[in-house]
Amino acid sequence: MSKMVNLKRPKSDRKGDGAEVAAYPGDDGVSVHLDHHHLTKLGVGGALKSGDKVEFAGRGHVEHSSTTTDKDGERHSATIRLHKGAIEHEAAKEEAREELKGELAKNYDAADKK
């Protein structure tokens, strides 16, 4: 995984003419909402409570957690505010791998013709 970077808006971007401007929703990081099926797949179900620290290819805190009950039983959801994050783009790796395979095939064919 790549190195995690700070996702909070820098204080210098939040100031205007020396006076603090109104905060924007993205100032404090990135908000991620996980529905019941996400939490179930991740194996946490209803265990997340507001204020809990979490890591999810990033670092942040649970901003909101709720549980509802319906005919199918309890359903959980949570919103997490990520303060730091990292990302790897798998498609880029796959494209590079395919390019290398193509070059190997060309080299093999060229060597075969000699």
Protein backbone atom coordinates (compact mmCIF):
# COMPACT_ATOMS: atom_id res chain seq x y z
CA MET A 1 0.00 0.00 0.00
CA SER A 2 1.19 3.52 -0.71
CA LYS A 3 2.22 5.95 2.01
CA MET A 4 -0.77 7.59 3.71
CA VAL A 5 -1.20 11.33 3.18
CA ASN A 6 -3.14 13.94 5.17
CA LEU A 7 -6.61 14.47 3.63
CA LYS A 8 -7.51 17.51 5.73
CA ARG A 9 -7.63 20.86 3.95
CA PRO A 10 -4.52 22.89 4.89
CA LYS A 11 -5.20 25.80 7.26
CA SER A 12 -3.64 28.14 4.70
CA ASP A 13 -6.45 27.21 2.26
CA ARG A 14 -9.11 27.91 4.88
CA LYS A 15 -8.09 31.52 5.57
CA GLY A 16 -9.16 34.59 3.65
CA ASP A 17 -7.52 38.02 4.12
CA GLY A 18 -6.21 37.03 7.54
CA ALA A 19 -9.69 36.10 8.81
CA GLU A 20 -10.98 32.56 9.18
CA VAL A 21 -13.64 31.75 6.55
CA ALA A 22 -16.54 29.36 7.08
CA ALA A 23 -15.46 25.72 7.12
CA TYR A 24 -16.19 23.64 4.06
CA PRO A 25 -17.49 20.07 4.43
CA GLY A 26 -14.17 18.64 3.18
CA ASP A 27 -12.01 20.65 5.62
CA ASP A 28 -11.80 17.85 8.16
CA GLY A 29 -11.16 14.94 5.79
CA VAL A 30 -13.28 12.68 3.61
CA SER A 31 -16.57 11.22 4.77
CA VAL A 32 -17.26 7.56 3.85
CA HIS A 33 -20.69 6.01 4.42
CA LEU A 34 -20.84 2.23 4.86
CA ASP A 35 -24.21 0.49 4.57
CA HIS A 36 -25.18 -2.70 6.38
CA HIS A 37 -23.88 -5.01 3.64
CA HIS A 38 -20.52 -3.20 3.65
CA LEU A 39 -20.16 -3.56 7.42
CA THR A 40 -21.20 -7.21 7.25
CA LYS A 41 -18.63 -7.96 4.53
CA LEU A 42 -15.95 -6.16 6.55
CA GLY A 43 -16.84 -8.30 9.57
CA VAL A 44 -17.73 -5.48 11.99
CA GLY A 45 -21.55 -5.56 11.82
CA GLY A 46 -22.94 -3.31 14.56
CA ALA A 47 -19.70 -3.15 16.55
CA LEU A 48 -18.77 0.38 15.37
CA LYS A 49 -19.72 3.17 17.76
CA SER A 50 -19.38 6.94 17.25
CA GLY A 51 -15.89 8.10 18.17
CA ASP A 52 -14.21 4.71 17.56
CA LYS A 53 -10.85 4.86 15.72
CA VAL A 54 -10.73 2.86 12.49
CA GLU A 55 -8.38 2.03 9.61
CA PHE A 56 -9.86 1.50 6.18
CA ALA A 57 -7.03 1.99 3.72
CA GLY A 58 -6.92 5.20 5.64
CA ARG A 59 -7.20 6.52 9.16
CA GLY A 60 -10.09 8.45 10.72
CA HIS A 61 -12.98 8.15 13.16
CA VAL A 62 -16.60 7.00 13.14
CA GLU A 63 -18.68 10.14 12.69
CA HIS A 64 -22.13 8.53 12.90
CA SER A 65 -23.35 5.03 13.64
CA SER A 66 -26.93 3.79 13.57
CA THR A 67 -28.92 0.61 13.95
CA THR A 68 -32.47 0.07 12.73
CA THR A 69 -34.69 -2.95 13.14
CA ASP A 70 -37.04 -4.19 10.47
CA LYS A 71 -38.67 -7.48 9.48
CA ASP A 72 -35.25 -8.84 8.43
CA GLY A 73 -33.64 -8.02 11.79
CA GLU A 74 -31.08 -5.40 12.75
CA ARG A 75 -29.48 -3.28 10.02
CA HIS A 76 -26.38 -1.25 10.78
CA SER A 77 -24.75 1.69 9.01
CA ALA A 78 -21.87 4.03 9.78
CA THR A 79 -20.26 7.16 8.38
CA ILE A 80 -16.49 7.38 8.77
CA ARG A 81 -14.48 10.59 8.35
CA LEU A 82 -11.05 9.73 6.94
CA HIS A 83 -8.24 12.10 7.91
CA LYS A 84 -5.41 10.25 6.19
CA GLY A 85 -5.51 7.91 3.24
CA ALA A 86 -3.56 5.96 0.67
CA ILE A 87 -4.53 4.48 -2.64
CA GLU A 88 -3.07 2.07 -5.14
CA HIS A 89 -4.48 1.85 -8.59
CA GLU A 90 -4.62 -1.82 -9.55
CA ALA A 91 -5.62 -1.09 -13.13
CA ALA A 92 -2.35 0.76 -13.72
CA LYS A 93 -0.39 -2.26 -12.49
CA GLU A 94 -2.44 -4.56 -14.71
CA GLU A 95 -1.87 -2.32 -17.75
CA ALA A 96 1.89 -2.31 -17.08
CA ARG A 97 1.83 -6.10 -16.74
CA GLU A 98 0.00 -6.43 -20.08
CA GLU A 99 2.54 -4.11 -21.76
CA LEU A 100 5.39 -6.25 -20.42
CA LYS A 101 3.70 -9.41 -21.69
CA GLY A 102 3.38 -7.79 -25.13
CA GLU A 103 7.07 -6.84 -25.17
CA LEU A 104 8.08 -10.33 -24.08
CA ALA A 105 5.97 -11.84 -26.86
CA LYS A 106 7.57 -9.51 -29.45
CA ASN A 107 11.07 -10.34 -28.21
CA TYR A 108 10.27 -14.07 -28.23
CA ASP A 109 8.94 -13.87 -31.79
CA ALA A 110 11.97 -11.84 -32.93
CA ALA A 111 14.36 -14.34 -31.33
CA ASP A 112 12.42 -17.22 -32.87
CA LYS A 113 12.79 -15.73 -36.38
CA LYS A 114 16.60 -15.48 -36.07
